[in-house]
């Protein structure tokens, strides 16, 4: 139970820090940073798969949290690539 509370506390703190950092990014840096966050989301997926296979928490909780992490990181990667592609298409010359 103590590990669950610690994990949840770290999650909430990371959520607040992430929101603050994202709100401070100027629009001109959005596309390069989006590409970087796609790479970070790939690392998150690997970590989520590893943590889903551990038995530190109950196996059900680890599986559910791992599934949620993989799902959200996958959505972030796909959306990031779509936004980056759309932004880059805006700079292409029309011929």
C-alpha atoms as a PDB file:
ATOM      1  CA  UNK A   1       0.000   0.000   0.000  1.00  0.00           C
ATOM      2  CA  UNK A   2       2.867   2.334   0.826  1.00  0.00           C
ATOM      3  CA  UNK A   3       4.359   1.812  -2.635  1.00  0.00           C
ATOM      4  CA  UNK A   4       1.014   2.665  -4.258  1.00  0.00           C
ATOM      5  CA  UNK A   5       0.784   5.946  -2.327  1.00  0.00           C
ATOM      6  CA  UNK A   6       4.371   6.821  -3.251  1.00  0.00           C
ATOM      7  CA  UNK A   7       3.768   6.007  -6.925  1.00  0.00           C
ATOM      8  CA  UNK A   8       0.562   8.046  -6.975  1.00  0.00           C
ATOM      9  CA  UNK A   9       2.300  11.005  -5.312  1.00  0.00           C
ATOM     10  CA  UNK A  10       5.095  10.935  -7.900  1.00  0.00           C
ATOM     11  CA  UNK A  11       2.506  10.723 -10.672  1.00  0.00           C
ATOM     12  CA  UNK A  12       0.604  13.784  -9.382  1.00  0.00           C
ATOM     13  CA  UNK A  13       3.817  15.800  -8.978  1.00  0.00           C
ATOM     14  CA  UNK A  14       4.944  14.861 -12.497  1.00  0.00           C
ATOM     15  CA  UNK A  15       1.530  15.892 -13.813  1.00  0.00           C
ATOM     16  CA  UNK A  16       1.795  19.368 -12.270  1.00  0.00           C
ATOM     17  CA  UNK A  17       5.396  19.866 -13.437  1.00  0.00           C
ATOM     18  CA  UNK A  18       4.488  18.715 -16.959  1.00  0.00           C
ATOM     19  CA  UNK A  19       1.551  21.095 -17.220  1.00  0.00           C
ATOM     20  CA  UNK A  20       3.667  24.020 -16.018  1.00  0.00           C
ATOM     21  CA  UNK A  21       6.459  23.228 -18.476  1.00  0.00           C
ATOM     22  CA  UNK A  22       4.128  22.829 -21.437  1.00  0.00           C
ATOM     23  CA  UNK A  23       2.344  26.095 -20.693  1.00  0.00           C
ATOM     24  CA  UNK A  24       5.670  27.971 -20.747  1.00  0.00           C
ATOM     25  CA  UNK A  25       6.722  26.794 -24.249  1.00  0.00           C
ATOM     26  CA  UNK A  26       6.472  29.534 -26.897  1.00  0.00           C
ATOM     27  CA  UNK A  27       4.711  28.608 -30.169  1.00  0.00           C
ATOM     28  CA  UNK A  28       7.931  28.883 -32.223  1.00  0.00           C
ATOM     29  CA  UNK A  29       9.482  26.006 -30.280  1.00  0.00           C
ATOM     30  CA  UNK A  30       6.416  23.775 -30.380  1.00  0.00           C
ATOM     31  CA  UNK A  31       7.308  21.638 -33.419  1.00  0.00           C
ATOM     32  CA  UNK A  32      10.935  20.840 -32.433  1.00  0.00           C
ATOM     33  CA  UNK A  33       9.882  20.037 -28.892  1.00  0.00           C
ATOM     34  CA  UNK A  34       7.027  17.857 -30.151  1.00  0.00           C
ATOM     35  CA  UNK A  35       9.560  15.704 -31.967  1.00  0.00           C
ATOM     36  CA  UNK A  36      11.565  15.383 -28.763  1.00  0.00           C
ATOM     37  CA  UNK A  37       8.528  14.414 -26.730  1.00  0.00           C
ATOM     38  CA  UNK A  38       7.741  11.695 -29.259  1.00  0.00           C
ATOM     39  CA  UNK A  39      11.094  10.129 -28.430  1.00  0.00           C
ATOM     40  CA  UNK A  40      10.416  10.482 -24.705  1.00  0.00           C
ATOM     41  CA  UNK A  41       7.012   8.839 -25.152  1.00  0.00           C
ATOM     42  CA  UNK A  42       8.766   5.894 -26.760  1.00  0.00           C
ATOM     43  CA  UNK A  43      10.849   5.555 -23.611  1.00  0.00           C
ATOM     44  CA  UNK A  44       7.664   5.811 -21.532  1.00  0.00           C
ATOM     45  CA  UNK A  45       6.178   2.899 -23.463  1.00  0.00           C
ATOM     46  CA  UNK A  46       9.230   0.743 -22.752  1.00  0.00           C
ATOM     47  CA  UNK A  47       9.096   1.672 -19.046  1.00  0.00           C
ATOM     48  CA  UNK A  48       5.376   0.974 -18.895  1.00  0.00           C
ATOM     49  CA  UNK A  49       5.815  -2.458 -20.428  1.00  0.00           C
ATOM     50  CA  UNK A  50       8.584  -3.259 -17.950  1.00  0.00           C
ATOM     51  CA  UNK A  51       6.584  -1.986 -14.965  1.00  0.00           C
ATOM     52  CA  UNK A  52       3.483  -3.873 -16.083  1.00  0.00           C
ATOM     53  CA  UNK A  53       5.470  -7.080 -15.787  1.00  0.00           C
ATOM     54  CA  UNK A  54       6.688  -6.454 -12.237  1.00  0.00           C
ATOM     55  CA  UNK A  55       5.035  -7.734  -9.094  1.00  0.00           C
ATOM     56  CA  UNK A  56       5.897  -4.775  -6.849  1.00  0.00           C
ATOM     57  CA  UNK A  57       2.230  -3.844  -6.759  1.00  0.00           C
ATOM     58  CA  UNK A  58      -0.468  -6.424  -7.148  1.00  0.00           C
ATOM     59  CA  UNK A  59      -0.316  -7.989 -10.631  1.00  0.00           C
ATOM     60  CA  UNK A  60      -3.732  -6.591 -11.529  1.00  0.00           C
ATOM     61  CA  UNK A  61      -2.831  -3.019 -10.558  1.00  0.00           C
ATOM     62  CA  UNK A  62       0.499  -3.233 -12.408  1.00  0.00           C
ATOM     63  CA  UNK A  63      -1.199  -4.578 -15.525  1.00  0.00           C
ATOM     64  CA  UNK A  64      -3.910  -1.912 -15.496  1.00  0.00           C
ATOM     65  CA  UNK A  65      -1.466   0.943 -14.886  1.00  0.00           C
ATOM     66  CA  UNK A  66       0.886  -0.440 -17.531  1.00  0.00           C
ATOM     67  CA  UNK A  67      -1.952  -0.682 -20.044  1.00  0.00           C
ATOM     68  CA  UNK A  68      -3.065   2.886 -19.314  1.00  0.00           C
ATOM     69  CA  UNK A  69       0.518   4.163 -19.634  1.00  0.00           C
ATOM     70  CA  UNK A  70       1.089   2.355 -22.930  1.00  0.00           C
ATOM     71  CA  UNK A  71      -2.243   3.593 -24.300  1.00  0.00           C
ATOM     72  CA  UNK A  72      -1.683   7.235 -23.338  1.00  0.00           C
ATOM     73  CA  UNK A  73       1.922   7.265 -24.565  1.00  0.00           C
ATOM     74  CA  UNK A  74       0.829   5.695 -27.872  1.00  0.00           C
ATOM     75  CA  UNK A  75      -1.841   8.360 -28.320  1.00  0.00           C
ATOM     76  CA  UNK A  76       0.766  11.016 -27.551  1.00  0.00           C
ATOM     77  CA  UNK A  77       3.185   9.608 -30.128  1.00  0.00           C
ATOM     78  CA  UNK A  78       0.584   9.352 -32.902  1.00  0.00           C
ATOM     79  CA  UNK A  79      -0.835  12.804 -32.197  1.00  0.00           C
ATOM     80  CA  UNK A  80       2.669  14.266 -31.999  1.00  0.00           C
ATOM     81  CA  UNK A  81       3.612  12.894 -35.385  1.00  0.00           C
ATOM     82  CA  UNK A  82       0.355  14.134 -36.903  1.00  0.00           C
ATOM     83  CA  UNK A  83       0.848  17.640 -35.498  1.00  0.00           C
ATOM     84  CA  UNK A  84       4.496  17.719 -36.563  1.00  0.00           C
ATOM     85  CA  UNK A  85       3.610  16.560 -40.082  1.00  0.00           C
ATOM     86  CA  UNK A  86       0.867  19.165 -40.347  1.00  0.00           C
ATOM     87  CA  UNK A  87       3.180  21.936 -39.158  1.00  0.00           C
ATOM     88  CA  UNK A  88       5.907  20.906 -41.599  1.00  0.00           C
ATOM     89  CA  UNK A  89       3.403  20.804 -44.484  1.00  0.00           C
ATOM     90  CA  UNK A  90       2.584  24.435 -43.771  1.00  0.00           C
ATOM     91  CA  UNK A  91       6.168  25.370 -44.723  1.00  0.00           C
ATOM     92  CA  UNK A  92       6.276  23.440 -48.011  1.00  0.00           C
ATOM     93  CA  UNK A  93       6.082  25.456 -51.175  1.00  0.00           C
ATOM     94  CA  UNK A  94       3.001  24.854 -53.248  1.00  0.00           C
ATOM     95  CA  UNK A  95       3.859  24.054 -56.799  1.00  0.00           C
END
